[in-house]
PDB file of N, CA and C in Angstrom:
ATOM      1  N   MET A   1      34.024  -9.757  15.605  1.00  0.00           N
ATOM      2  CA  MET A   1      32.983 -10.192  14.682  1.00  0.00           C
ATOM      3  C   MET A   1      31.792  -9.163  14.920  1.00  0.00           C
ATOM      4  N   ASN A   2      31.201  -8.859  13.820  1.00  0.00           N
ATOM      5  CA  ASN A   2      30.123  -7.914  13.784  1.00  0.00           C
ATOM      6  C   ASN A   2      28.861  -8.704  14.052  1.00  0.00           C
ATOM      7  N   ASP A   3      28.104  -8.340  15.113  1.00  0.00           N
ATOM      8  CA  ASP A   3      26.916  -8.937  15.536  1.00  0.00           C
ATOM      9  C   ASP A   3      25.656  -8.357  14.821  1.00  0.00           C
ATOM     10  N   LEU A   4      25.817  -7.588  13.836  1.00  0.00           N
ATOM     11  CA  LEU A   4      24.693  -6.983  13.186  1.00  0.00           C
ATOM     12  C   LEU A   4      24.049  -8.023  12.351  1.00  0.00           C
ATOM     13  N   ARG A   5      22.736  -8.312  12.604  1.00  0.00           N
ATOM     14  CA  ARG A   5      22.026  -9.416  11.990  1.00  0.00           C
ATOM     15  C   ARG A   5      20.881  -8.720  11.129  1.00  0.00           C
ATOM     16  N   ALA A   6      21.350  -8.385   9.854  1.00  0.00           N
ATOM     17  CA  ALA A   6      20.552  -7.708   8.968  1.00  0.00           C
ATOM     18  C   ALA A   6      19.790  -8.649   7.959  1.00  0.00           C
ATOM     19  N   GLU A   7      20.171  -9.923   7.994  1.00  0.00           N
ATOM     20  CA  GLU A   7      19.613 -10.818   7.047  1.00  0.00           C
ATOM     21  C   GLU A   7      18.736 -11.953   7.811  1.00  0.00           C
ATOM     22  N   ARG A   8      17.594 -12.320   7.234  1.00  0.00           N
ATOM     23  CA  ARG A   8      16.786 -13.261   7.823  1.00  0.00           C
ATOM     24  C   ARG A   8      16.896 -14.563   6.933  1.00  0.00           C
ATOM     25  N   LEU A   9      16.922 -15.661   7.610  1.00  0.00           N
ATOM     26  CA  LEU A   9      16.985 -16.939   6.879  1.00  0.00           C
ATOM     27  C   LEU A   9      15.881 -17.869   7.381  1.00  0.00           C
ATOM     28  N   GLN A  10      15.107 -18.328   6.465  1.00  0.00           N
ATOM     29  CA  GLN A  10      14.034 -19.236   6.809  1.00  0.00           C
ATOM     30  C   GLN A  10      14.507 -20.592   6.542  1.00  0.00           C
ATOM     31  N   VAL A  11      14.336 -21.529   7.427  1.00  0.00           N
ATOM     32  CA  VAL A  11      14.773 -22.931   7.235  1.00  0.00           C
ATOM     33  C   VAL A  11      13.753 -23.829   7.585  1.00  0.00           C
ATOM     34  N   MET A  12      13.320 -24.803   6.748  1.00  0.00           N
ATOM     35  CA  MET A  12      12.303 -25.879   7.066  1.00  0.00           C
ATOM     36  C   MET A  12      13.121 -27.055   7.645  1.00  0.00           C
ATOM     37  N   LEU A  13      12.660 -27.601   8.740  1.00  0.00           N
ATOM     38  CA  LEU A  13      13.268 -28.770   9.369  1.00  0.00           C
ATOM     39  C   LEU A  13      12.232 -29.888   9.497  1.00  0.00           C
ATOM     40  N   SER A  14      12.847 -31.168   9.468  1.00  0.00           N
ATOM     41  CA  SER A  14      11.943 -32.254   9.803  1.00  0.00           C
ATOM     42  C   SER A  14      11.836 -32.309  11.261  1.00  0.00           C
ATOM     43  N   PRO A  15      10.836 -33.101  11.779  1.00  0.00           N
ATOM     44  CA  PRO A  15      10.635 -33.223  13.285  1.00  0.00           C
ATOM     45  C   PRO A  15      11.894 -33.729  13.921  1.00  0.00           C
ATOM     46  N   GLU A  16      12.647 -34.721  13.217  1.00  0.00           N
ATOM     47  CA  GLU A  16      13.846 -35.242  13.803  1.00  0.00           C
ATOM     48  C   GLU A  16      15.020 -34.218  13.867  1.00  0.00           C
ATOM     49  N   GLU A  17      15.074 -33.374  12.850  1.00  0.00           N
ATOM     50  CA  GLU A  17      16.055 -32.292  12.800  1.00  0.00           C
ATOM     51  C   GLU A  17      15.782 -31.247  13.901  1.00  0.00           C
ATOM     52  N   LEU A  18      14.544 -30.924  14.103  1.00  0.00           N
ATOM     53  CA  LEU A  18      14.082 -29.921  15.095  1.00  0.00           C
ATOM     54  C   LEU A  18      14.335 -30.459  16.423  1.00  0.00           C
ATOM     55  N   ALA A  19      14.093 -31.768  16.631  1.00  0.00           N
ATOM     56  CA  ALA A  19      14.392 -32.371  17.946  1.00  0.00           C
ATOM     57  C   ALA A  19      15.864 -32.256  18.297  1.00  0.00           C
ATOM     58  N   ALA A  20      16.744 -32.577  17.276  1.00  0.00           N
ATOM     59  CA  ALA A  20      18.177 -32.512  17.518  1.00  0.00           C
ATOM     60  C   ALA A  20      18.623 -31.041  17.807  1.00  0.00           C
ATOM     61  N   VAL A  21      18.119 -30.091  17.170  1.00  0.00           N
ATOM     62  CA  VAL A  21      18.384 -28.647  17.507  1.00  0.00           C
ATOM     63  C   VAL A  21      17.923 -28.321  18.960  1.00  0.00           C
ATOM     64  N   ASP A  22      16.677 -28.756  19.225  1.00  0.00           N
ATOM     65  CA  ASP A  22      16.257 -28.425  20.682  1.00  0.00           C
ATOM     66  C   ASP A  22      17.056 -29.181  21.754  1.00  0.00           C
ATOM     67  N   ASP A  23      17.449 -30.481  21.413  1.00  0.00           N
ATOM     68  CA  ASP A  23      18.214 -31.204  22.321  1.00  0.00           C
ATOM     69  C   ASP A  23      19.553 -30.462  22.596  1.00  0.00           C
ATOM     70  N   PHE A  24      20.237 -30.095  21.542  1.00  0.00           N
ATOM     71  CA  PHE A  24      21.452 -29.326  21.631  1.00  0.00           C
ATOM     72  C   PHE A  24      21.264 -27.925  22.472  1.00  0.00           C
ATOM     73  N   ARG A  25      20.123 -27.341  22.140  1.00  0.00           N
ATOM     74  CA  ARG A  25      19.803 -26.049  22.778  1.00  0.00           C
ATOM     75  C   ARG A  25      19.684 -26.233  24.331  1.00  0.00           C
ATOM     76  N   PHE A  26      18.924 -27.261  24.677  1.00  0.00           N
ATOM     77  CA  PHE A  26      18.727 -27.455  26.124  1.00  0.00           C
ATOM     78  C   PHE A  26      19.939 -27.944  26.807  1.00  0.00           C
ATOM     79  N   LYS A  27      20.644 -28.885  26.223  1.00  0.00           N
ATOM     80  CA  LYS A  27      21.899 -29.394  26.683  1.00  0.00           C
ATOM     81  C   LYS A  27      22.974 -28.334  26.966  1.00  0.00           C
ATOM     82  N   HIS A  28      23.056 -27.362  26.091  1.00  0.00           N
ATOM     83  CA  HIS A  28      23.995 -26.252  26.247  1.00  0.00           C
ATOM     84  C   HIS A  28      23.425 -24.976  26.748  1.00  0.00           C
ATOM     85  N   ARG A  29      22.123 -25.019  27.178  1.00  0.00           N
ATOM     86  CA  ARG A  29      21.531 -23.829  27.835  1.00  0.00           C
ATOM     87  C   ARG A  29      21.559 -22.665  26.983  1.00  0.00           C
ATOM     88  N   MET A  30      21.139 -22.916  25.690  1.00  0.00           N
ATOM     89  CA  MET A  30      21.141 -21.731  24.688  1.00  0.00           C
ATOM     90  C   MET A  30      19.859 -21.007  24.906  1.00  0.00           C
ATOM     91  N   PRO A  31      19.951 -19.715  24.774  1.00  0.00           N
ATOM     92  CA  PRO A  31      18.575 -18.888  24.999  1.00  0.00           C
ATOM     93  C   PRO A  31      17.538 -19.157  24.062  1.00  0.00           C
ATOM     94  N   THR A  32      17.841 -19.302  22.736  1.00  0.00           N
ATOM     95  CA  THR A  32      16.808 -19.381  21.704  1.00  0.00           C
ATOM     96  C   THR A  32      17.222 -20.369  20.645  1.00  0.00           C
ATOM     97  N   ARG A  33      16.173 -20.809  19.898  1.00  0.00           N
ATOM     98  CA  ARG A  33      16.578 -21.667  18.691  1.00  0.00           C
ATOM     99  C   ARG A  33      17.465 -20.993  17.744  1.00  0.00           C
ATOM    100  N   ALA A  34      17.243 -19.636  17.515  1.00  0.00           N
ATOM    101  CA  ALA A  34      18.068 -18.865  16.647  1.00  0.00           C
ATOM    102  C   ALA A  34      19.486 -18.879  17.081  1.00  0.00           C
ATOM    103  N   ALA A  35      19.753 -18.620  18.325  1.00  0.00           N
ATOM    104  CA  ALA A  35      21.151 -18.671  18.845  1.00  0.00           C
ATOM    105  C   ALA A  35      21.750 -20.012  18.691  1.00  0.00           C
ATOM    106  N   THR A  36      20.928 -21.128  18.835  1.00  0.00           N
ATOM    107  CA  THR A  36      21.406 -22.414  18.665  1.00  0.00           C
ATOM    108  C   THR A  36      21.772 -22.770  17.301  1.00  0.00           C
ATOM    109  N   VAL A  37      20.968 -22.408  16.263  1.00  0.00           N
ATOM    110  CA  VAL A  37      21.220 -22.591  14.889  1.00  0.00           C
ATOM    111  C   VAL A  37      22.505 -21.837  14.530  1.00  0.00           C
ATOM    112  N   ARG A  38      22.712 -20.553  14.920  1.00  0.00           N
ATOM    113  CA  ARG A  38      23.916 -19.768  14.658  1.00  0.00           C
ATOM    114  C   ARG A  38      25.129 -20.543  15.117  1.00  0.00           C
ATOM    115  N   GLU A  39      24.996 -21.071  16.416  1.00  0.00           N
ATOM    116  CA  GLU A  39      26.150 -21.760  17.069  1.00  0.00           C
ATOM    117  C   GLU A  39      26.503 -23.098  16.221  1.00  0.00           C
ATOM    118  N   LEU A  40      25.415 -23.785  15.836  1.00  0.00           N
ATOM    119  CA  LEU A  40      25.669 -25.018  15.107  1.00  0.00           C
ATOM    120  C   LEU A  40      26.238 -24.694  13.640  1.00  0.00           C
ATOM    121  N   LEU A  41      25.877 -23.544  13.126  1.00  0.00           N
ATOM    122  CA  LEU A  41      26.399 -23.216  11.843  1.00  0.00           C
ATOM    123  C   LEU A  41      27.884 -22.897  11.971  1.00  0.00           C
ATOM    124  N   LYS A  42      28.264 -22.188  13.103  1.00  0.00           N
ATOM    125  CA  LYS A  42      29.683 -21.910  13.265  1.00  0.00           C
ATOM    126  C   LYS A  42      30.443 -23.173  13.425  1.00  0.00           C
ATOM    127  N   PHE A  43      29.975 -24.211  14.180  1.00  0.00           N
ATOM    128  CA  PHE A  43      30.542 -25.485  14.418  1.00  0.00           C
ATOM    129  C   PHE A  43      30.763 -26.149  13.070  1.00  0.00           C
ATOM    130  N   GLY A  44      29.689 -26.135  12.211  1.00  0.00           N
ATOM    131  CA  GLY A  44      29.773 -26.843  10.921  1.00  0.00           C
ATOM    132  C   GLY A  44      30.713 -26.246   9.898  1.00  0.00           C
ATOM    133  N   LEU A  45      30.690 -24.905   9.911  1.00  0.00           N
ATOM    134  CA  LEU A  45      31.617 -24.233   9.014  1.00  0.00           C
ATOM    135  C   LEU A  45      33.169 -24.406   9.524  1.00  0.00           C
ATOM    136  N   ALA A  46      33.285 -24.385  10.713  1.00  0.00           N
ATOM    137  CA  ALA A  46      34.625 -24.577  11.276  1.00  0.00           C
ATOM    138  C   ALA A  46      35.025 -26.010  10.970  1.00  0.00           C
ATOM    139  N   ALA A  47      34.165 -26.989  11.121  1.00  0.00           N
ATOM    140  CA  ALA A  47      34.586 -28.403  10.847  1.00  0.00           C
ATOM    141  C   ALA A  47      34.878 -28.615   9.368  1.00  0.00           C
ATOM    142  N   ALA A  48      34.254 -27.830   8.458  1.00  0.00           N
ATOM    143  CA  ALA A  48      34.413 -27.870   7.095  1.00  0.00           C
ATOM    144  C   ALA A  48      35.708 -27.024   6.666  1.00  0.00           C
ATOM    145  N   ASP A  49      36.394 -26.356   7.637  1.00  0.00           N
ATOM    146  CA  ASP A  49      37.473 -25.532   7.403  1.00  0.00           C
ATOM    147  C   ASP A  49      37.132 -24.391   6.516  1.00  0.00           C
ATOM    148  N   VAL A  50      35.949 -23.735   6.738  1.00  0.00           N
ATOM    149  CA  VAL A  50      35.424 -22.634   6.031  1.00  0.00           C
ATOM    150  C   VAL A  50      35.553 -21.372   6.818  1.00  0.00           C
ATOM    151  N   ASP A  51      36.176 -20.383   6.290  1.00  0.00           N
ATOM    152  CA  ASP A  51      36.290 -19.103   6.901  1.00  0.00           C
ATOM    153  C   ASP A  51      35.063 -18.210   6.357  1.00  0.00           C
ATOM    154  N   ALA A  52      33.993 -18.227   7.174  1.00  0.00           N
ATOM    155  CA  ALA A  52      32.702 -17.554   6.720  1.00  0.00           C
ATOM    156  C   ALA A  52      32.752 -16.120   6.902  1.00  0.00           C
ATOM    157  N   VAL A  53      33.326 -15.443   5.947  1.00  0.00           N
ATOM    158  CA  VAL A  53      33.438 -13.908   6.003  1.00  0.00           C
ATOM    159  C   VAL A  53      32.656 -13.396   4.858  1.00  0.00           C
ATOM    160  N   ALA A  54      32.251 -12.099   4.945  1.00  0.00           N
ATOM    161  CA  ALA A  54      31.526 -11.364   3.943  1.00  0.00           C
ATOM    162  C   ALA A  54      32.218 -11.564   2.589  1.00  0.00           C
ATOM    163  N   GLY A  55      31.461 -11.810   1.623  1.00  0.00           N
ATOM    164  CA  GLY A  55      31.983 -11.803   0.214  1.00  0.00           C
ATOM    165  C   GLY A  55      32.385 -13.139  -0.244  1.00  0.00           C
ATOM    166  N   VAL A  56      32.359 -14.183   0.670  1.00  0.00           N
ATOM    167  CA  VAL A  56      32.712 -15.555   0.292  1.00  0.00           C
ATOM    168  C   VAL A  56      31.551 -16.081  -0.477  1.00  0.00           C
ATOM    169  N   LYS A  57      31.800 -16.765  -1.637  1.00  0.00           N
ATOM    170  CA  LYS A  57      30.794 -17.280  -2.452  1.00  0.00           C
ATOM    171  C   LYS A  57      30.533 -18.775  -2.043  1.00  0.00           C
ATOM    172  N   SER A  58      29.247 -19.179  -2.178  1.00  0.00           N
ATOM    173  CA  SER A  58      28.883 -20.540  -1.753  1.00  0.00           C
ATOM    174  C   SER A  58      29.681 -21.589  -2.507  1.00  0.00           C
ATOM    175  N   SER A  59      30.090 -21.260  -3.760  1.00  0.00           N
ATOM    176  CA  SER A  59      30.920 -22.296  -4.506  1.00  0.00           C
ATOM    177  C   SER A  59      32.239 -22.446  -3.910  1.00  0.00           C
ATOM    178  N   SER A  60      32.704 -21.564  -2.955  1.00  0.00           N
ATOM    179  CA  SER A  60      33.953 -21.746  -2.268  1.00  0.00           C
ATOM    180  C   SER A  60      33.794 -22.796  -1.160  1.00  0.00           C
ATOM    181  N   PHE A  61      32.670 -23.092  -0.751  1.00  0.00           N
ATOM    182  CA  PHE A  61      32.329 -24.076   0.289  1.00  0.00           C
ATOM    183  C   PHE A  61      32.609 -25.506  -0.088  1.00  0.00           C
ATOM    184  N   GLY A  62      32.781 -25.756  -1.434  1.00  0.00           N
ATOM    185  CA  GLY A  62      33.085 -27.064  -1.862  1.00  0.00           C
ATOM    186  C   GLY A  62      31.855 -28.028  -2.093  1.00  0.00           C
ATOM    187  N   VAL A  63      30.699 -27.484  -1.857  1.00  0.00           N
ATOM    188  CA  VAL A  63      29.520 -28.397  -2.086  1.00  0.00           C
ATOM    189  C   VAL A  63      29.128 -28.278  -3.538  1.00  0.00           C
ATOM    190  N   PHE A  64      29.083 -27.138  -4.118  1.00  0.00           N
ATOM    191  CA  PHE A  64      28.632 -26.979  -5.521  1.00  0.00           C
ATOM    192  C   PHE A  64      29.729 -26.166  -6.282  1.00  0.00           C
ATOM    193  N   GLY A  65      30.077 -26.598  -7.453  1.00  0.00           N
ATOM    194  CA  GLY A  65      30.967 -25.781  -8.310  1.00  0.00           C
ATOM    195  C   GLY A  65      30.096 -25.110  -9.370  1.00  0.00           C
ATOM    196  N   ARG A  66      30.610 -24.196 -10.053  1.00  0.00           N
ATOM    197  CA  ARG A  66      29.795 -23.525 -11.198  1.00  0.00           C
ATOM    198  C   ARG A  66      30.606 -23.843 -12.479  1.00  0.00           C
ATOM    199  N   GLY A  67      29.938 -24.418 -13.372  1.00  0.00           N
ATOM    200  CA  GLY A  67      30.586 -24.766 -14.641  1.00  0.00           C
ATOM    201  C   GLY A  67      29.839 -23.938 -15.630  1.00  0.00           C
ATOM    202  N   PRO A  68      30.205 -24.169 -16.882  1.00  0.00           N
ATOM    203  CA  PRO A  68      29.614 -23.422 -18.004  1.00  0.00           C
ATOM    204  C   PRO A  68      28.100 -23.662 -18.205  1.00  0.00           C
ATOM    205  N   ASP A  69      27.564 -24.750 -17.704  1.00  0.00           N
ATOM    206  CA  ASP A  69      26.200 -25.044 -17.769  1.00  0.00           C
ATOM    207  C   ASP A  69      25.423 -24.656 -16.472  1.00  0.00           C
ATOM    208  N   GLY A  70      26.055 -23.975 -15.614  1.00  0.00           N
ATOM    209  CA  GLY A  70      25.422 -23.583 -14.289  1.00  0.00           C
ATOM    210  C   GLY A  70      26.024 -24.421 -13.272  1.00  0.00           C
ATOM    211  N   HIS A  71      25.234 -24.655 -12.214  1.00  0.00           N
ATOM    212  CA  HIS A  71      25.781 -25.348 -10.992  1.00  0.00           C
ATOM    213  C   HIS A  71      25.931 -26.891 -11.267  1.00  0.00           C
ATOM    214  N   THR A  72      27.047 -27.410 -10.810  1.00  0.00           N
ATOM    215  CA  THR A  72      27.312 -28.813 -10.957  1.00  0.00           C
ATOM    216  C   THR A  72      27.652 -29.477  -9.616  1.00  0.00           C
ATOM    217  N   GLN A  73      27.361 -30.687  -9.464  1.00  0.00           N
ATOM    218  CA  GLN A  73      27.693 -31.308  -8.152  1.00  0.00           C
ATOM    219  C   GLN A  73      29.154 -31.407  -7.840  1.00  0.00           C
ATOM    220  N   GLY A  74      29.627 -30.958  -6.712  1.00  0.00           N
ATOM    221  CA  GLY A  74      30.989 -31.013  -6.321  1.00  0.00           C
ATOM    222  C   GLY A  74      31.528 -32.423  -6.270  1.00  0.00           C
ATOM    223  N   GLU A  75      32.907 -32.501  -6.040  1.00  0.00           N
ATOM    224  CA  GLU A  75      33.465 -33.790  -5.893  1.00  0.00           C
ATOM    225  C   GLU A  75      33.056 -34.655  -4.737  1.00  0.00           C
ATOM    226  N   SER A  76      32.742 -33.946  -3.664  1.00  0.00           N
ATOM    227  CA  SER A  76      32.306 -34.633  -2.365  1.00  0.00           C
ATOM    228  C   SER A  76      30.930 -35.154  -2.402  1.00  0.00           C
ATOM    229  N   GLY A  77      30.132 -34.809  -3.461  1.00  0.00           N
ATOM    230  CA  GLY A  77      28.755 -35.278  -3.466  1.00  0.00           C
ATOM    231  C   GLY A  77      28.559 -36.599  -4.255  1.00  0.00           C
ATOM    232  N   ASN A  78      27.441 -37.189  -4.081  1.00  0.00           N
ATOM    233  CA  ASN A  78      27.062 -38.306  -4.723  1.00  0.00           C
ATOM    234  C   ASN A  78      26.439 -38.065  -6.162  1.00  0.00           C
ATOM    235  N   GLU A  79      26.983 -38.562  -7.167  1.00  0.00           N
ATOM    236  CA  GLU A  79      26.477 -38.406  -8.457  1.00  0.00           C
ATOM    237  C   GLU A  79      25.759 -39.555  -8.952  1.00  0.00           C
ATOM    238  N   ASP A  80      24.588 -39.262  -9.476  1.00  0.00           N
ATOM    239  CA  ASP A  80      23.672 -40.452  -9.941  1.00  0.00           C
ATOM    240  C   ASP A  80      24.049 -40.735 -11.434  1.00  0.00           C
TER     241      ASP A  80
END
């Protein structure tokens, strides 16, 4: 895997989400929050059976599909 980190991603978290990230970080002796988030992303993508390789579109992840009118909620989401 290429460890080149050329993209920056900014994420806003609630206090509870940040506490969960920090708890995971300290429990697993991760060096930084960024390393922790990368590890959690890997776990989440693997659990969703997603092969996160370059060129894969977000619509392939099964959360959103793209219809003629733009993005639509995928089958796994709650529709109101």
